[in-house]
Protein backbone atom coordinates (compact mmCIF):
# COMPACT_ATOMS: atom_id res chain seq x y z
CA UNK A 1 -28.72 26.69 -0.93
CA UNK A 2 -31.87 27.98 0.93
CA UNK A 3 -33.53 27.52 4.33
CA UNK A 4 -32.68 24.01 5.86
CA UNK A 5 -29.88 23.05 3.46
CA UNK A 6 -26.03 23.13 3.97
CA UNK A 7 -23.63 23.05 1.00
CA UNK A 8 -19.90 22.36 1.42
CA UNK A 9 -17.49 22.69 -1.50
CA UNK A 10 -13.76 22.07 -1.50
CA UNK A 11 -11.76 25.19 -1.67
CA UNK A 12 -8.23 24.12 -1.36
CA UNK A 13 -6.70 20.83 -0.38
CA UNK A 14 -2.98 19.85 0.75
CA UNK A 15 -1.04 17.05 1.24
CA UNK A 16 1.13 16.61 4.37
CA UNK A 17 4.30 14.88 4.25
CA UNK A 18 4.37 13.75 -0.09
CA UNK A 19 5.76 17.20 -1.22
CA UNK A 20 6.64 15.39 -4.89
CA UNK A 21 2.13 14.55 -5.10
CA UNK A 22 1.08 17.54 -3.50
CA UNK A 23 2.27 19.60 -6.43
CA UNK A 24 -0.50 17.70 -8.65
CA UNK A 25 -3.04 16.89 -6.65
CA UNK A 26 -6.16 17.92 -7.05
CA UNK A 27 -9.36 17.58 -5.00
CA UNK A 28 -12.77 18.23 -5.60
CA UNK A 29 -16.07 18.30 -3.13
CA UNK A 30 -19.43 19.47 -3.72
CA UNK A 31 -21.98 18.71 -0.76
CA UNK A 32 -25.25 18.92 -0.16
CA UNK A 33 -27.08 18.15 3.14
CA UNK A 34 -31.04 18.90 3.49
CA UNK A 35 -33.08 18.80 7.08
CA UNK A 36 -36.22 16.57 6.17
CA UNK A 37 -39.09 16.62 8.99
CA UNK A 38 -37.54 13.51 10.30
CA UNK A 39 -33.95 13.18 8.89
CA UNK A 40 -31.06 14.48 7.30
CA UNK A 41 -30.34 13.88 4.05
CA UNK A 42 -27.16 14.47 1.81
CA UNK A 43 -25.51 13.93 -1.15
CA UNK A 44 -21.77 14.46 -1.97
CA UNK A 45 -19.41 14.19 -5.00
CA UNK A 46 -15.64 13.52 -3.95
CA UNK A 47 -12.99 13.15 -6.58
CA UNK A 48 -9.36 13.55 -6.82
CA UNK A 49 -7.10 13.92 -9.70
CA UNK A 50 -3.36 13.23 -9.52
CA UNK A 51 -0.15 12.93 -11.95
CA UNK A 52 1.16 9.15 -10.85
CA UNK A 53 4.84 9.78 -10.05
CA UNK A 54 7.21 7.53 -11.59
CA UNK A 55 7.23 4.83 -8.53
CA UNK A 56 3.73 4.17 -8.52
CA UNK A 57 3.66 3.54 -12.36
CA UNK A 58 4.88 -0.16 -11.83
CA UNK A 59 1.42 -0.61 -9.41
CA UNK A 60 -1.73 -1.94 -11.65
CA UNK A 61 -3.99 1.12 -12.60
CA UNK A 62 -6.57 -0.67 -11.02
CA UNK A 63 -4.78 -1.18 -7.77
CA UNK A 64 -4.50 2.28 -7.31
CA UNK A 65 -7.99 2.95 -8.78
CA UNK A 66 -9.70 0.71 -5.66
CA UNK A 67 -6.82 2.08 -2.94
CA UNK A 68 -7.75 5.47 -4.45
CA UNK A 69 -11.37 4.55 -4.00
CA UNK A 70 -11.43 3.13 -0.23
CA UNK A 71 -9.38 6.41 0.38
CA UNK A 72 -11.82 8.71 -0.62
CA UNK A 73 -14.74 6.68 1.12
CA UNK A 74 -12.68 7.51 4.47
CA UNK A 75 -12.15 11.41 3.98
CA UNK A 76 -15.82 11.83 2.75
CA UNK A 77 -16.89 9.54 6.57
CA UNK A 78 -14.67 11.73 8.14
CA UNK A 79 -16.15 14.84 6.79
CA UNK A 80 -19.55 13.36 7.42
CA UNK A 81 -18.67 12.44 11.50
CA UNK A 82 -17.26 16.45 11.53
CA UNK A 83 -20.30 17.70 9.93
CA UNK A 84 -23.04 15.86 11.99
CA UNK A 85 -20.74 16.79 15.09
CA UNK A 86 -20.76 20.31 14.41
CA UNK A 87 -24.60 20.48 13.60
CA UNK A 88 -25.07 18.77 17.15
CA UNK A 89 -22.88 21.61 18.76
CA UNK A 90 -25.07 24.31 16.74
CA UNK A 91 -28.05 22.84 17.67
CA UNK A 92 -27.53 22.39 21.51
CA UNK A 93 -25.95 26.08 21.27
CA UNK A 94 -29.38 27.53 19.80
CA UNK A 95 -31.05 25.43 22.28
CA UNK A 96 -29.31 27.36 24.60
CA UNK A 97 -30.42 30.89 23.47
């Protein structure tokens, strides 16, 4: 990605506790974070593909989509928090060198 940039790609994903969905679950993540003089700027594309199990076929697609979007937003916020925390730790370590 070049100096001042951080690229994040999902390489693997696993759902614990939901074996029948884990078989067909695919998560894609592509993210780029860039350091600007006064802030960090980033963009992320996060997607999920899953085969709809029989028990979920009764739930309207619109409801499943909105639930999925809320879940993806939560996952993205978690990733953002962990990346920011690690950047702060790395910066503190760099300052101490």
